[in-house]
Amino acid sequence: MKKFIDSSVFVYAYLKPRRKLTEKEKRVKVLAKEIVSHLERGELEVIMTVVHLSEVLNILEDRLNLQTSLSFLELVLASENIEIVPVTLHDYQAALEIARRYAVSANDAVAYIKMCEMKIGEIYTFDKHFRNFEKIKVVPEPHEYE
């Protein structure tokens, strides 16, 4: 069964810390790397939007370098187990109300909309805001790293 994958997973997995990590941050980084490793081996099937892909690419380019960002894009485009779905202006119009109602970012609301549309009940994420949605399950569960 496919799960949505949030950009936070890739950010934690790929970025090199600029400071000493807290114990919680270390646990999150280990879990993120495990998820990405399973994904790269084709053991997981995930969905993400073009928006979330763009978030990862921009962060990797800014914090690491252009080549890392482009290598990540190449990996995603070549992966049969990563489905990238489009986002429309209508999605953002709907996301505005959801973002306000649940106190989440517009992009988190877009992820929620796409999950509902595609009947996806679980998301790989380390973004605590996804806990605001009652209908979805956050993976890994917060107790695994908090």
Protein backbone atom coordinates (compact mmCIF):
# COMPACT_ATOMS: atom_id res chain seq x y z
CA MET A 1 0.00 0.00 0.00
CA LYS A 2 1.39 3.39 -1.01
CA LYS A 3 2.05 6.08 1.56
CA PHE A 4 2.62 9.77 1.05
CA ILE A 5 6.18 10.95 1.74
CA ASP A 6 6.77 14.44 3.05
CA SER A 7 9.81 16.52 2.17
CA SER A 8 10.91 16.45 5.83
CA VAL A 9 12.03 12.83 5.45
CA PHE A 10 14.49 13.70 2.68
CA VAL A 11 15.65 16.86 4.41
CA TYR A 12 16.54 14.99 7.60
CA ALA A 13 18.13 12.14 5.66
CA TYR A 14 20.32 14.22 3.34
CA LEU A 15 21.32 17.39 5.17
CA LYS A 16 24.56 17.55 7.06
CA PRO A 17 24.11 19.27 10.40
CA ARG A 18 25.81 22.60 10.97
CA ARG A 19 25.75 22.11 14.73
CA LYS A 20 25.70 19.30 17.25
CA LEU A 21 22.35 17.48 17.07
CA THR A 22 20.15 16.82 20.06
CA GLU A 23 19.39 13.20 20.92
CA LYS A 24 15.91 13.59 19.41
CA GLU A 25 17.36 15.04 16.20
CA LYS A 26 19.83 12.14 16.00
CA ARG A 27 16.97 9.63 16.29
CA VAL A 28 14.99 11.46 13.60
CA LYS A 29 18.01 11.51 11.28
CA VAL A 30 18.56 7.75 11.73
CA LEU A 31 14.88 6.99 11.06
CA ALA A 32 14.85 9.30 8.01
CA LYS A 33 17.92 7.57 6.57
CA GLU A 34 16.28 4.17 7.14
CA ILE A 35 13.13 5.26 5.28
CA VAL A 36 15.17 6.64 2.36
CA SER A 37 17.30 3.51 2.27
CA HIS A 38 14.19 1.30 2.05
CA LEU A 39 12.85 3.61 -0.65
CA GLU A 40 16.08 3.48 -2.67
CA ARG A 41 16.04 -0.34 -2.51
CA GLY A 42 12.49 -0.34 -3.89
CA GLU A 43 11.00 -1.74 -0.68
CA LEU A 44 8.51 1.11 -0.27
CA GLU A 45 6.01 2.67 -2.65
CA VAL A 46 5.35 6.33 -2.07
CA ILE A 47 3.61 9.33 -3.51
CA MET A 48 4.67 12.94 -3.31
CA THR A 49 3.54 16.07 -5.10
CA VAL A 50 5.58 18.22 -7.45
CA VAL A 51 5.43 20.85 -4.71
CA HIS A 52 7.07 18.58 -2.14
CA LEU A 53 9.66 17.48 -4.69
CA SER A 54 10.42 21.13 -5.39
CA GLU A 55 10.81 21.82 -1.65
CA VAL A 56 13.42 19.09 -1.34
CA LEU A 57 15.29 20.20 -4.46
CA ASN A 58 15.44 23.82 -3.29
CA ILE A 59 16.64 22.89 0.20
CA LEU A 60 19.29 20.48 -1.10
CA GLU A 61 20.59 23.05 -3.56
CA ASP A 62 20.66 25.79 -0.92
CA ARG A 63 22.18 23.77 1.92
CA LEU A 64 24.39 21.33 -0.02
CA ASN A 65 24.91 22.11 -3.70
CA LEU A 66 23.34 22.07 -7.15
CA GLN A 67 24.82 18.68 -8.08
CA THR A 68 23.27 16.98 -5.03
CA SER A 69 19.92 18.53 -5.87
CA LEU A 70 20.11 17.36 -9.48
CA SER A 71 21.26 13.89 -8.44
CA PHE A 72 18.27 13.65 -6.12
CA LEU A 73 15.94 14.69 -8.95
CA GLU A 74 17.51 12.09 -11.23
CA LEU A 75 17.01 9.42 -8.55
CA VAL A 76 13.35 10.35 -8.09
CA LEU A 77 12.62 10.47 -11.82
CA ALA A 78 14.22 7.05 -12.35
CA SER A 79 12.41 5.42 -9.40
CA GLU A 80 9.42 3.31 -10.31
CA ASN A 81 8.30 3.24 -6.67
CA ILE A 82 8.02 7.04 -6.30
CA GLU A 83 4.93 8.55 -7.90
CA ILE A 84 4.92 12.31 -8.40
CA VAL A 85 1.47 13.87 -8.61
CA PRO A 86 0.58 17.32 -9.95
CA VAL A 87 -0.79 20.22 -7.94
CA THR A 88 -3.21 22.75 -9.37
CA LEU A 89 -4.29 26.26 -8.47
CA HIS A 90 -7.56 24.69 -7.31
CA ASP A 91 -5.59 22.53 -4.85
CA TYR A 92 -4.04 25.65 -3.35
CA GLN A 93 -7.41 27.38 -3.18
CA ALA A 94 -8.76 24.43 -1.19
CA ALA A 95 -5.56 24.24 0.85
CA LEU A 96 -5.96 27.79 2.14
CA GLU A 97 -9.04 26.96 4.21
CA ILE A 98 -7.59 23.64 5.40
CA ALA A 99 -4.33 25.34 6.40
CA ARG A 100 -6.22 27.87 8.47
CA ARG A 101 -8.57 25.30 10.02
CA TYR A 102 -5.80 22.90 11.07
CA ALA A 103 -3.01 25.45 11.67
CA VAL A 104 -0.66 23.92 9.09
CA SER A 105 1.31 25.29 6.18
CA ALA A 106 -0.26 25.57 2.73
CA ASN A 107 1.99 22.79 1.42
CA ASP A 108 1.04 20.50 4.31
CA ALA A 109 -2.59 21.19 3.46
CA VAL A 110 -1.91 20.34 -0.20
CA ALA A 111 -0.39 17.03 0.91
CA TYR A 112 -3.50 16.34 2.98
CA ILE A 113 -5.78 17.15 0.04
CA LYS A 114 -3.87 14.81 -2.27
CA MET A 115 -3.88 12.08 0.38
CA CYS A 116 -7.67 12.38 0.72
CA GLU A 117 -8.15 12.41 -3.07
CA MET A 118 -6.00 9.30 -3.48
CA LYS A 119 -7.36 7.57 -0.36
CA ILE A 120 -3.92 7.42 1.27
CA GLY A 121 -4.16 7.10 5.02
CA GLU A 122 -0.50 7.24 6.04
CA ILE A 123 2.37 9.66 5.62
CA TYR A 124 6.09 9.35 6.21
CA THR A 125 6.96 12.62 7.92
CA PHE A 126 8.73 14.24 10.83
CA ASP A 127 6.60 17.38 10.58
CA LYS A 128 4.52 17.59 13.77
CA HIS A 129 1.80 19.58 12.01
CA PHE A 130 0.54 16.45 10.25
CA ARG A 131 -0.66 15.26 13.66
CA ASN A 132 -3.33 17.97 13.43
CA PHE A 133 -5.21 15.89 10.85
CA GLU A 134 -7.40 13.21 12.44
CA LYS A 135 -7.82 11.12 9.28
CA ILE A 136 -4.17 10.27 8.64
CA LYS A 137 -1.53 8.25 10.44
CA VAL A 138 1.96 9.65 10.82
CA VAL A 139 4.83 7.21 10.22
CA PRO A 140 7.08 6.81 12.08
CA GLU A 141 4.95 7.40 15.12
CA PRO A 142 6.25 10.26 17.27
CA HIS A 143 6.94 7.97 20.23
CA GLU A 144 9.67 6.33 18.12
CA TYR A 145 11.83 9.44 18.23
CA GLU A 146 10.54 11.84 20.85
